[in-house]
Amino acid sequence: MAKVETLGLVLHPTRDVTSVVSAVLGWSADHGVAVRVGAADADRAAGARAVPEDELAGSDAILSIGGDGTMLGALRLVSDDPRPVLGVNMGKLGFLVEIEPPELVTALDRLAAGDVTLEHHSCLRVTSGDSSRMAFNDLALSRRPGDGTVNAILTIDDQQYGYFRADAVIMATATGSTAHSYSAGGPLLSPVTDAVVITPVAPMSGISRPLVLGAGERVEFSLLSDVGRPVIEADGQVLGELEPGRTVRAELRRDAGLVVRLDVRRHRQRSQAKLSLLDLPLLPDQLRELLPPQVRDQLARRESP
């Protein structure tokens, strides 16, 4: 990968990222790396140069400080001209992000030295009317409470395949197969799989099981004219409502994102463990009881004010 002379920061919108930003600025001063931040976050990263979004996207590498949502936003930011994105976990689960704050300086040293693996990620280009949006996890058409089900015809490569009548329809990338699609009963796709999965949520009739499609297949969801106005979401962000009769198109775009990995095997092992924990019918406090007493005591001391 190219030499890192500029580092762009993408920050979680509400979490306190002060300590992590300070560590980044300290490291950058020692290594001659210029740090940039979006103008909207300038007051949360004093010492970094506030720049417009297009200049932030032109940084040699991007550091995402937050959870998976922040990481997805960073990937969308540079999807037109992919740059390496390194994620620092300030969230709860973090399937995309790899490192924790104590590992930050070591990770930045390795990033600067090029001693990392760049993991290529695909995204969905979602088009409705004249608007277009990238989604690295998933596209969802979701019913509004009291406004009827999502009734949509599925067309694949210009051939009608069937129809959905469900509370929601989710189309996910391989990366996004661990998110909402998985919680709705969809299959897990290997991150190296060149495919997408379409999963209906609470289907009432029509297509009732998940579909796995090839990367090159063009997908359209055409709303029937006598139904309500479902909400369209991309990576969990609401883009608006769809009027009856409208069509949403989605196509997989390969190699739209570059995720920095320090240890690919360890990251996958952690992700597998997190998925297993999600399937356990226990609350976080109940899971603590499964830990050895000394570990519970360490956690309690760390979390005490």
Protein backbone atom coordinates (compact mmCIF):
# COMPACT_ATOMS: atom_id res chain seq x y z
CA MET A 1 0.00 0.00 0.00
CA ALA A 2 1.03 3.64 -0.52
CA LYS A 3 2.91 5.61 2.12
CA VAL A 4 0.61 7.17 4.72
CA GLU A 5 1.24 10.91 4.82
CA THR A 6 -2.33 12.00 5.58
CA LEU A 7 -4.76 10.28 7.95
CA GLY A 8 -8.47 11.11 7.94
CA LEU A 9 -10.60 10.69 11.07
CA VAL A 10 -14.24 9.57 11.00
CA LEU A 11 -15.75 9.84 14.48
CA HIS A 12 -18.75 8.26 16.16
CA PRO A 13 -21.37 11.04 16.35
CA THR A 14 -22.03 10.83 20.10
CA ARG A 15 -19.41 8.75 21.93
CA ASP A 16 -16.52 10.35 23.80
CA VAL A 17 -13.52 9.77 21.52
CA THR A 18 -11.19 12.25 23.22
CA SER A 19 -8.61 9.74 24.47
CA VAL A 20 -8.35 7.94 21.13
CA VAL A 21 -8.05 11.20 19.16
CA SER A 22 -5.34 12.39 21.55
CA ALA A 23 -3.40 9.16 21.02
CA VAL A 24 -3.68 9.56 17.24
CA LEU A 25 -2.45 13.16 17.35
CA GLY A 26 0.47 12.19 19.58
CA TRP A 27 1.45 9.38 17.23
CA SER A 28 1.08 11.58 14.14
CA ALA A 29 3.34 14.28 15.61
CA ASP A 30 6.09 11.70 16.11
CA HIS A 31 5.73 10.28 12.59
CA GLY A 32 5.13 13.39 10.50
CA VAL A 33 1.62 12.38 9.45
CA ALA A 34 -0.97 15.09 8.87
CA VAL A 35 -4.34 14.38 10.51
CA ARG A 36 -7.59 15.56 8.94
CA VAL A 37 -11.13 15.61 10.27
CA GLY A 38 -14.46 16.64 8.80
CA ALA A 39 -15.52 20.22 9.47
CA ALA A 40 -18.54 19.05 11.50
CA ASP A 41 -16.23 17.26 13.97
CA ALA A 42 -13.55 19.96 14.24
CA ASP A 43 -14.38 20.79 17.87
CA ARG A 44 -13.97 17.11 18.86
CA ALA A 45 -10.50 16.76 17.34
CA ALA A 46 -8.57 19.89 18.28
CA GLY A 47 -5.19 19.68 16.60
CA ALA A 48 -6.47 17.95 13.46
CA ARG A 49 -7.03 20.05 10.34
CA ALA A 50 -10.72 20.54 9.56
CA VAL A 51 -11.41 19.90 5.87
CA PRO A 52 -14.40 19.47 3.51
CA GLU A 53 -15.71 15.95 2.96
CA ASP A 54 -14.06 15.50 -0.45
CA GLU A 55 -10.63 16.38 0.96
CA LEU A 56 -11.18 14.06 3.92
CA ALA A 57 -12.00 11.27 1.46
CA GLY A 58 -8.70 11.94 -0.33
CA SER A 59 -6.59 11.06 2.73
CA ASP A 60 -4.05 8.26 2.29
CA ALA A 61 -5.87 6.21 4.95
CA ILE A 62 -8.97 6.59 7.10
CA LEU A 63 -9.25 5.86 10.82
CA SER A 64 -12.78 5.04 11.93
CA ILE A 65 -13.31 5.64 15.67
CA GLY A 66 -16.59 4.11 16.81
CA GLY A 67 -18.54 0.97 16.07
CA ASP A 68 -19.63 -0.82 12.92
CA GLY A 69 -21.95 2.02 11.93
CA THR A 70 -19.06 4.48 11.99
CA MET A 71 -16.96 2.03 9.99
CA LEU A 72 -19.68 1.70 7.35
CA GLY A 73 -19.86 5.48 7.08
CA ALA A 74 -16.09 5.65 6.57
CA LEU A 75 -16.27 3.01 3.83
CA ARG A 76 -19.08 4.89 2.07
CA LEU A 77 -17.05 8.10 2.31
CA VAL A 78 -14.25 6.65 0.18
CA SER A 79 -16.25 4.22 -1.98
CA ASP A 80 -15.65 6.24 -5.17
CA ASP A 81 -11.88 6.01 -4.67
CA PRO A 82 -11.26 3.31 -2.02
CA ARG A 83 -8.67 4.05 0.65
CA PRO A 84 -7.56 1.76 3.50
CA VAL A 85 -9.93 2.05 6.48
CA LEU A 86 -8.80 1.00 9.95
CA GLY A 87 -11.47 0.62 12.63
CA VAL A 88 -11.04 1.33 16.35
CA ASN A 89 -13.83 -0.23 18.40
CA MET A 90 -15.74 2.18 20.64
CA GLY A 91 -19.02 0.30 20.19
CA LYS A 92 -20.57 -2.82 21.71
CA LEU A 93 -20.02 -5.70 19.28
CA GLY A 94 -17.94 -4.55 16.34
CA PHE A 95 -17.91 -7.16 13.57
CA LEU A 96 -16.14 -4.91 11.07
CA VAL A 97 -13.79 -3.09 13.44
CA GLU A 98 -10.79 -5.05 14.62
CA ILE A 99 -8.70 -3.20 17.18
CA GLU A 100 -9.40 -1.90 20.67
CA PRO A 101 -8.07 1.50 21.88
CA PRO A 102 -5.05 -0.01 23.76
CA GLU A 103 -3.90 -1.55 20.44
CA LEU A 104 -4.08 1.73 18.52
CA VAL A 105 -0.45 2.86 18.49
CA THR A 106 0.82 -0.57 17.44
CA ALA A 107 -1.81 -0.69 14.72
CA LEU A 108 -0.82 2.75 13.40
CA ASP A 109 2.85 1.72 13.36
CA ARG A 110 1.98 -1.31 11.27
CA LEU A 111 -0.27 0.72 8.99
CA ALA A 112 2.52 3.23 8.35
CA ALA A 113 4.96 0.38 7.64
CA GLY A 114 2.52 -1.36 5.28
CA ASP A 115 2.56 -4.42 7.54
CA VAL A 116 -1.18 -5.06 7.19
CA THR A 117 -3.61 -7.00 5.03
CA LEU A 118 -6.14 -5.07 2.93
CA GLU A 119 -9.47 -6.90 2.89
CA HIS A 120 -11.56 -6.10 -0.19
CA HIS A 121 -15.27 -5.51 0.38
CA SER A 122 -18.14 -5.22 -2.07
CA CYS A 123 -21.10 -2.90 -1.68
CA LEU A 124 -24.57 -2.49 -3.10
CA ARG A 125 -25.30 0.43 -5.39
CA VAL A 126 -28.92 1.22 -4.53
CA THR A 127 -30.86 3.31 -7.04
CA SER A 128 -34.38 4.66 -6.79
CA GLY A 129 -35.45 7.27 -9.30
CA ASP A 130 -32.65 9.80 -9.69
CA SER A 131 -31.04 9.08 -6.32
CA SER A 132 -28.25 6.58 -5.68
CA ARG A 133 -26.63 5.35 -2.48
CA MET A 134 -23.92 2.86 -1.49
CA ALA A 135 -24.61 0.20 1.14
CA PHE A 136 -21.80 -2.03 2.41
CA ASN A 137 -24.06 -4.08 4.69
CA ASP A 138 -27.59 -4.15 3.36
CA LEU A 139 -30.59 -2.59 1.72
CA ALA A 140 -33.96 -2.96 3.48
CA LEU A 141 -37.52 -2.20 2.50
CA SER A 142 -39.48 -2.04 5.76
CA ARG A 143 -43.17 -1.55 6.49
CA ARG A 144 -44.29 1.44 8.46
CA PRO A 145 -46.50 0.55 11.44
CA GLY A 146 -50.14 0.72 10.41
CA ASP A 147 -49.35 1.10 6.71
CA GLY A 148 -49.55 -2.45 5.41
CA THR A 149 -46.94 -4.97 4.37
CA VAL A 150 -44.13 -4.66 1.84
CA ASN A 151 -45.61 -6.01 -1.40
CA ALA A 152 -42.96 -6.10 -4.10
CA ILE A 153 -42.22 -8.02 -7.29
CA LEU A 154 -38.67 -9.38 -7.50
CA THR A 155 -37.01 -9.13 -10.90
CA ILE A 156 -33.58 -10.66 -11.59
CA ASP A 157 -31.78 -9.77 -14.81
CA ASP A 158 -35.02 -8.44 -16.35
CA GLN A 159 -36.95 -11.64 -15.56
CA GLN A 160 -39.68 -11.64 -12.93
CA TYR A 161 -38.87 -14.21 -10.26
CA GLY A 162 -41.76 -13.90 -7.82
CA TYR A 163 -43.13 -11.52 -5.23
CA PHE A 164 -42.79 -10.69 -1.54
CA ARG A 165 -45.51 -9.93 0.95
CA ALA A 166 -43.69 -9.41 4.23
CA ASP A 167 -42.92 -6.98 7.01
CA ALA A 168 -39.57 -6.27 5.36
CA VAL A 169 -37.24 -7.47 2.63
CA ILE A 170 -33.48 -7.33 3.20
CA MET A 171 -30.79 -7.59 0.55
CA ALA A 172 -27.35 -8.08 2.10
CA THR A 173 -23.76 -8.34 0.96
CA ALA A 174 -21.51 -11.10 2.29
CA THR A 175 -20.31 -8.65 4.94
CA GLY A 176 -23.88 -7.67 5.83
CA SER A 177 -25.05 -11.29 6.06
CA THR A 178 -24.03 -11.21 9.76
CA ALA A 179 -26.34 -8.25 10.44
CA HIS A 180 -30.12 -7.85 9.97
CA SER A 181 -30.38 -10.61 7.39
CA TYR A 182 -28.90 -13.10 9.87
CA SER A 183 -31.29 -12.01 12.63
CA ALA A 184 -34.18 -12.60 10.21
CA GLY A 185 -33.05 -16.18 9.52
CA GLY A 186 -30.80 -15.61 6.53
CA PRO A 187 -27.62 -17.65 5.95
CA LEU A 188 -24.11 -16.51 6.76
CA LEU A 189 -21.95 -15.88 3.71
CA SER A 190 -18.19 -16.13 3.84
CA PRO A 191 -16.65 -12.64 3.52
CA VAL A 192 -14.83 -13.81 0.38
CA THR A 193 -18.07 -14.97 -1.29
CA ASP A 194 -19.02 -13.02 -4.40
CA ALA A 195 -22.76 -13.14 -3.73
CA VAL A 196 -25.73 -11.43 -2.11
CA VAL A 197 -28.59 -12.79 -0.03
CA ILE A 198 -32.23 -11.64 -0.06
CA THR A 199 -34.18 -12.41 3.12
CA PRO A 200 -37.89 -11.78 3.76
CA VAL A 201 -38.88 -10.78 7.30
CA ALA A 202 -42.13 -12.31 8.63
CA PRO A 203 -43.39 -13.32 5.18
CA MET A 204 -47.13 -13.82 4.76
CA SER A 205 -47.19 -15.10 1.20
CA GLY A 206 -45.04 -15.21 -1.90
CA ILE A 207 -41.32 -15.87 -1.49
CA SER A 208 -40.84 -17.06 2.07
CA ARG A 209 -37.23 -18.25 2.18
CA PRO A 210 -33.86 -16.55 1.70
CA LEU A 211 -32.34 -16.42 -1.78
CA VAL A 212 -28.61 -16.38 -2.57
CA LEU A 213 -27.76 -14.69 -5.86
CA GLY A 214 -24.58 -14.25 -7.87
CA ALA A 215 -22.67 -10.99 -7.77
CA GLY A 216 -23.41 -10.04 -11.37
CA GLU A 217 -27.19 -10.43 -11.22
CA ARG A 218 -29.21 -7.21 -11.44
CA VAL A 219 -31.99 -7.02 -8.87
CA GLU A 220 -35.16 -4.92 -8.90
CA PHE A 221 -37.92 -4.59 -6.29
CA SER A 222 -41.08 -3.13 -7.84
CA LEU A 223 -43.76 -2.05 -5.38
CA LEU A 224 -47.30 -2.97 -6.24
CA SER A 225 -49.56 0.02 -6.83
CA ASP A 226 -52.18 -0.80 -4.19
CA VAL A 227 -49.96 -0.98 -1.07
CA GLY A 228 -48.55 1.34 1.56
CA ARG A 229 -45.33 3.32 1.54
CA PRO A 230 -42.45 1.29 2.97
CA VAL A 231 -39.29 2.89 4.27
CA ILE A 232 -36.06 2.32 2.34
CA GLU A 233 -32.90 1.90 4.42
CA ALA A 234 -29.24 1.58 3.44
CA ASP A 235 -26.85 0.33 6.13
CA GLY A 236 -29.52 1.08 8.72
CA GLN A 237 -29.97 4.71 7.66
CA VAL A 238 -33.44 5.76 6.52
CA LEU A 239 -33.34 7.26 3.04
CA GLY A 240 -37.05 8.01 2.80
CA GLU A 241 -40.40 6.50 1.92
CA LEU A 242 -41.27 4.74 -1.33
CA GLU A 243 -44.48 5.54 -3.13
CA PRO A 244 -46.58 2.68 -4.54
CA GLY A 245 -45.44 1.67 -8.00
CA ARG A 246 -41.82 2.76 -7.47
CA THR A 247 -38.87 0.52 -8.32
CA VAL A 248 -35.65 0.06 -6.34
CA ARG A 249 -32.62 -1.33 -8.15
CA ALA A 250 -29.58 -2.88 -6.51
CA GLU A 251 -26.36 -4.15 -8.01
CA LEU A 252 -23.22 -5.44 -6.34
CA ARG A 253 -20.10 -3.35 -6.88
CA ARG A 254 -16.91 -5.29 -6.28
CA ASP A 255 -13.83 -3.96 -4.46
CA ALA A 256 -15.56 -0.79 -3.30
CA GLY A 257 -13.94 -0.87 0.15
CA LEU A 258 -10.54 -1.66 1.65
CA VAL A 259 -10.59 -2.73 5.30
CA VAL A 260 -7.28 -2.85 7.17
CA ARG A 261 -6.66 -6.15 8.96
CA LEU A 262 -3.76 -6.76 11.32
CA ASP A 263 -4.59 -10.41 11.99
CA VAL A 264 -7.21 -11.87 9.66
CA ARG A 265 -7.47 -15.19 11.48
CA ARG A 266 -7.88 -13.63 14.93
CA HIS A 267 -10.52 -11.24 13.64
CA ARG A 268 -12.57 -14.07 12.15
CA GLN A 269 -12.30 -16.08 15.35
CA ARG A 270 -13.56 -13.08 17.34
CA SER A 271 -16.45 -12.59 14.91
CA GLN A 272 -17.46 -16.23 15.22
CA ALA A 273 -17.43 -15.94 19.01
CA LYS A 274 -19.57 -12.78 18.88
CA LEU A 275 -22.12 -14.48 16.64
CA SER A 276 -22.28 -17.40 19.04
CA LEU A 277 -22.92 -15.01 21.93
CA LEU A 278 -25.76 -13.37 20.02
CA ASP A 279 -27.50 -16.75 19.78
CA LEU A 280 -27.35 -17.31 23.53
CA PRO A 281 -30.64 -16.46 25.30
CA LEU A 282 -28.78 -14.54 28.03
CA LEU A 283 -28.51 -10.86 28.91
CA PRO A 284 -25.04 -9.24 29.27
CA ASP A 285 -25.22 -9.34 33.08
CA GLN A 286 -26.09 -13.03 32.94
CA LEU A 287 -23.10 -13.68 30.66
CA ARG A 288 -20.82 -12.11 33.26
CA GLU A 289 -21.76 -14.87 35.66
CA LEU A 290 -20.11 -17.35 33.30
CA LEU A 291 -16.74 -15.62 33.75
CA PRO A 292 -14.18 -16.61 36.41
CA PRO A 293 -14.53 -14.49 39.59
CA GLN A 294 -11.16 -12.75 39.09
CA VAL A 295 -12.17 -11.65 35.59
CA ARG A 296 -15.50 -10.29 36.88
CA ASP A 297 -13.60 -8.33 39.55
CA GLN A 298 -11.25 -6.86 36.93
CA LEU A 299 -14.18 -5.76 34.79
CA ALA A 300 -15.92 -4.19 37.79
CA ARG A 301 -12.80 -2.20 38.71
CA ARG A 302 -12.31 -1.05 35.14
CA GLU A 303 -15.92 0.16 34.84
CA SER A 304 -16.12 1.86 38.23
CA PRO A 305 -15.95 5.71 38.10
